N, C-alpha and C. Protein backbone atom coordinates (compact mmCIF):
# COMPACT_ATOMS: atom_id res chain seq x y z
N GLU A 1 144.61 81.77 100.41
CA GLU A 1 143.48 81.01 100.92
C GLU A 1 142.98 80.10 99.80
N ALA A 2 142.69 78.89 100.14
CA ALA A 2 142.21 77.90 99.17
C ALA A 2 140.76 78.21 98.79
N HIS A 3 140.44 77.92 97.56
CA HIS A 3 139.05 78.10 97.09
C HIS A 3 138.22 76.95 97.62
N PRO A 4 137.02 77.22 98.13
CA PRO A 4 136.24 76.15 98.75
C PRO A 4 135.68 75.11 97.78
N ASP A 5 135.53 75.46 96.51
CA ASP A 5 134.94 74.52 95.55
C ASP A 5 135.80 74.48 94.29
N HIS A 6 136.49 73.39 94.08
CA HIS A 6 137.43 73.28 92.95
C HIS A 6 136.72 73.34 91.60
N ASP A 7 135.56 72.74 91.49
CA ASP A 7 134.82 72.78 90.23
C ASP A 7 134.46 74.22 89.86
N GLN A 8 134.01 74.97 90.85
CA GLN A 8 133.65 76.37 90.62
C GLN A 8 134.89 77.19 90.28
N LEU A 9 135.99 76.92 90.93
CA LEU A 9 137.24 77.64 90.65
C LEU A 9 137.67 77.42 89.20
N ILE A 10 137.60 76.19 88.74
CA ILE A 10 137.97 75.89 87.35
C ILE A 10 137.03 76.60 86.39
N ALA A 11 135.74 76.59 86.68
CA ALA A 11 134.77 77.27 85.82
C ALA A 11 135.06 78.77 85.76
N LEU A 12 135.42 79.38 86.89
CA LEU A 12 135.75 80.80 86.92
C LEU A 12 137.00 81.09 86.09
N MET A 13 138.02 80.26 86.25
CA MET A 13 139.27 80.46 85.51
C MET A 13 139.04 80.32 84.01
N ILE A 14 138.28 79.31 83.62
CA ILE A 14 138.01 79.09 82.20
C ILE A 14 137.17 80.24 81.64
N GLY A 15 136.23 80.73 82.43
CA GLY A 15 135.42 81.87 82.00
C GLY A 15 136.27 83.10 81.73
N ARG A 16 137.22 83.36 82.61
CA ARG A 16 138.13 84.50 82.42
C ARG A 16 139.01 84.31 81.19
N ARG A 17 139.49 83.10 81.02
CA ARG A 17 140.34 82.82 79.86
C ARG A 17 139.57 83.03 78.56
N LEU A 18 138.35 82.53 78.52
CA LEU A 18 137.52 82.67 77.33
C LEU A 18 137.18 84.14 77.07
N ALA A 19 136.88 84.90 78.13
CA ALA A 19 136.58 86.33 77.97
C ALA A 19 137.79 87.07 77.41
N PHE A 20 138.99 86.70 77.87
CA PHE A 20 140.21 87.31 77.33
C PHE A 20 140.34 87.01 75.84
N LEU A 21 140.17 85.76 75.47
CA LEU A 21 140.31 85.37 74.07
C LEU A 21 139.26 86.05 73.19
N GLU A 22 138.04 86.17 73.69
CA GLU A 22 136.97 86.81 72.92
C GLU A 22 137.25 88.30 72.69
N ALA A 23 138.03 88.91 73.58
CA ALA A 23 138.36 90.33 73.45
C ALA A 23 139.46 90.60 72.42
N LEU A 24 140.14 89.57 71.98
CA LEU A 24 141.22 89.75 71.01
C LEU A 24 140.66 90.07 69.63
N ARG A 25 141.41 90.89 68.87
CA ARG A 25 140.97 91.26 67.51
C ARG A 25 140.87 90.05 66.60
N THR A 26 141.65 89.03 66.86
CA THR A 26 141.68 87.85 65.99
C THR A 26 140.64 86.80 66.36
N TRP A 27 139.76 87.10 67.31
CA TRP A 27 138.73 86.15 67.72
C TRP A 27 137.87 85.68 66.55
N PRO A 28 137.42 86.58 65.64
CA PRO A 28 136.59 86.11 64.53
C PRO A 28 137.28 85.06 63.65
N VAL A 29 138.60 85.12 63.57
CA VAL A 29 139.33 84.18 62.73
C VAL A 29 139.63 82.88 63.46
N PHE A 30 140.14 83.00 64.69
CA PHE A 30 140.63 81.82 65.42
C PHE A 30 139.72 81.38 66.57
N GLY A 31 138.65 82.11 66.82
CA GLY A 31 137.82 81.87 68.00
C GLY A 31 137.25 80.47 68.11
N ARG A 32 136.84 79.90 67.00
CA ARG A 32 136.24 78.56 67.06
C ARG A 32 137.24 77.53 67.60
N GLY A 33 138.47 77.57 67.11
CA GLY A 33 139.50 76.64 67.59
C GLY A 33 139.88 76.90 69.03
N TRP A 34 140.03 78.20 69.37
CA TRP A 34 140.37 78.54 70.75
C TRP A 34 139.28 78.08 71.71
N ALA A 35 138.03 78.32 71.35
CA ALA A 35 136.91 77.92 72.21
C ALA A 35 136.89 76.40 72.39
N SER A 36 137.22 75.68 71.33
CA SER A 36 137.26 74.22 71.42
C SER A 36 138.35 73.76 72.39
N ARG A 37 139.53 74.37 72.28
CA ARG A 37 140.63 73.99 73.18
C ARG A 37 140.32 74.36 74.63
N VAL A 38 139.73 75.54 74.83
CA VAL A 38 139.37 75.96 76.19
C VAL A 38 138.33 75.01 76.77
N ALA A 39 137.39 74.56 75.97
CA ALA A 39 136.38 73.60 76.44
C ALA A 39 137.04 72.28 76.84
N GLN A 40 138.06 71.86 76.09
CA GLN A 40 138.78 70.63 76.44
C GLN A 40 139.51 70.80 77.77
N VAL A 41 140.14 71.96 77.96
CA VAL A 41 140.85 72.23 79.22
C VAL A 41 139.87 72.22 80.38
N LYS A 42 138.70 72.81 80.19
CA LYS A 42 137.68 72.82 81.25
C LYS A 42 137.24 71.40 81.58
N GLN A 43 137.01 70.60 80.55
CA GLN A 43 136.57 69.22 80.77
C GLN A 43 137.62 68.43 81.55
N ILE A 44 138.87 68.55 81.16
CA ILE A 44 139.95 67.84 81.85
C ILE A 44 140.11 68.36 83.27
N GLY A 45 140.10 69.68 83.43
CA GLY A 45 140.27 70.28 84.75
C GLY A 45 139.19 69.86 85.72
N GLN A 46 137.96 69.84 85.25
CA GLN A 46 136.89 69.46 86.16
C GLN A 46 136.88 67.96 86.41
N ALA A 47 137.42 67.18 85.49
CA ALA A 47 137.55 65.75 85.75
C ALA A 47 138.60 65.51 86.84
N TRP A 48 139.64 66.34 86.85
CA TRP A 48 140.69 66.21 87.86
C TRP A 48 140.28 66.78 89.21
N ALA A 49 139.35 67.72 89.19
CA ALA A 49 138.95 68.38 90.44
C ALA A 49 138.34 67.37 91.40
N THR A 50 138.54 67.62 92.67
CA THR A 50 138.02 66.70 93.68
C THR A 50 136.65 67.11 94.18
N GLY A 51 136.08 68.18 93.65
CA GLY A 51 134.77 68.62 94.09
C GLY A 51 134.87 69.57 95.27
N SER A 52 133.84 69.61 96.06
CA SER A 52 133.77 70.58 97.15
C SER A 52 134.68 70.23 98.32
N VAL A 53 134.97 68.98 98.51
CA VAL A 53 135.79 68.57 99.65
C VAL A 53 136.98 67.77 99.14
N GLY A 54 138.16 68.26 99.43
CA GLY A 54 139.37 67.57 99.01
C GLY A 54 139.88 66.65 100.10
N PRO A 55 140.92 65.88 99.81
CA PRO A 55 141.48 65.00 100.83
C PRO A 55 142.17 65.80 101.93
N GLN A 56 142.19 65.25 103.12
CA GLN A 56 142.86 65.90 104.23
C GLN A 56 144.37 65.84 104.03
N PRO A 57 145.09 66.90 104.39
CA PRO A 57 146.54 66.86 104.27
C PRO A 57 147.13 65.81 105.21
N ALA A 58 148.19 65.16 104.77
CA ALA A 58 148.84 64.13 105.59
C ALA A 58 150.21 64.64 106.02
N PHE A 59 150.57 64.39 107.26
CA PHE A 59 151.88 64.77 107.79
C PHE A 59 152.67 63.51 108.07
N PHE A 60 153.90 63.48 107.58
CA PHE A 60 154.78 62.35 107.83
C PHE A 60 155.94 62.82 108.70
N LEU A 61 156.07 62.23 109.86
CA LEU A 61 157.14 62.60 110.78
C LEU A 61 158.48 62.36 110.11
N GLY A 62 159.32 63.36 110.08
CA GLY A 62 160.63 63.25 109.45
C GLY A 62 160.60 63.46 107.95
N GLY A 63 159.45 63.77 107.40
CA GLY A 63 159.33 63.97 105.96
C GLY A 63 160.05 65.19 105.45
N ASN A 64 160.41 66.09 106.35
CA ASN A 64 161.11 67.30 105.95
C ASN A 64 162.62 67.20 106.16
N ALA A 65 163.12 66.02 106.52
CA ALA A 65 164.55 65.85 106.78
C ALA A 65 165.34 65.94 105.48
N LYS A 66 166.52 66.50 105.57
CA LYS A 66 167.39 66.66 104.40
C LYS A 66 168.65 65.83 104.59
N ALA A 67 169.20 65.35 103.49
CA ALA A 67 170.46 64.61 103.53
C ALA A 67 171.61 65.60 103.71
N THR A 68 172.67 65.14 104.31
CA THR A 68 173.87 65.97 104.44
C THR A 68 174.80 65.69 103.27
N ILE A 69 175.76 66.56 103.05
CA ILE A 69 176.66 66.42 101.90
C ILE A 69 177.48 65.13 101.98
N ASP A 70 177.82 64.68 103.18
CA ASP A 70 178.61 63.45 103.29
C ASP A 70 177.77 62.19 102.99
N GLN A 71 176.46 62.33 102.89
CA GLN A 71 175.61 61.20 102.53
C GLN A 71 175.40 61.10 101.01
N ALA A 72 175.92 62.07 100.27
CA ALA A 72 175.75 62.08 98.82
C ALA A 72 176.64 61.03 98.17
N LYS A 73 176.18 60.48 97.06
CA LYS A 73 176.97 59.51 96.32
C LYS A 73 178.10 60.23 95.59
N PRO A 74 179.26 59.59 95.45
CA PRO A 74 180.34 60.23 94.69
C PRO A 74 180.01 60.25 93.20
N LEU A 75 180.64 61.18 92.48
CA LEU A 75 180.45 61.24 91.03
C LEU A 75 181.02 59.99 90.39
N PRO A 76 180.44 59.53 89.29
CA PRO A 76 181.00 58.37 88.60
C PRO A 76 182.34 58.72 87.97
N ALA A 77 183.17 57.69 87.77
CA ALA A 77 184.48 57.90 87.16
C ALA A 77 184.30 58.33 85.71
N LYS A 78 185.29 59.06 85.20
CA LYS A 78 185.22 59.49 83.80
C LYS A 78 185.45 58.29 82.90
N GLY A 79 184.66 58.21 81.84
CA GLY A 79 184.82 57.16 80.84
C GLY A 79 185.47 57.73 79.60
N PRO A 80 185.75 56.89 78.60
CA PRO A 80 186.40 57.36 77.37
C PRO A 80 185.60 58.46 76.66
N ALA A 81 184.29 58.39 76.71
CA ALA A 81 183.48 59.40 76.03
C ALA A 81 183.55 60.75 76.71
N ASP A 82 183.96 60.78 77.98
CA ASP A 82 184.05 62.03 78.72
C ASP A 82 185.33 62.80 78.42
N ALA A 83 186.24 62.21 77.67
CA ALA A 83 187.53 62.86 77.41
C ALA A 83 187.35 64.17 76.66
N THR A 84 186.34 64.28 75.82
CA THR A 84 186.14 65.50 75.04
C THR A 84 185.24 66.50 75.74
N MET A 85 184.57 66.08 76.78
CA MET A 85 183.64 66.96 77.48
C MET A 85 184.22 67.38 78.83
N PRO A 86 184.49 68.68 79.03
CA PRO A 86 184.99 69.10 80.35
C PRO A 86 183.88 69.01 81.39
N ARG A 87 184.24 68.73 82.60
CA ARG A 87 183.26 68.61 83.67
C ARG A 87 183.10 69.88 84.42
């Protein structure tokens, strides 16, 4: 099920990530840098988020069609550089 609010979802994920990092024994040494990077990820993630309402899904008729093997392009001919490389 999709989360109803993308901004809130990102905030929850970042909160969990930060809580995990704070629980590590090495947090006193590396915590400042980790917190800075996590804050950057949060800023970028929320900038990308569409907010509470996202775009409606679009359906394209025939968009799920697959090509058949006979519609595939043939392999290119071997060149001089291919002489040492087996195919």
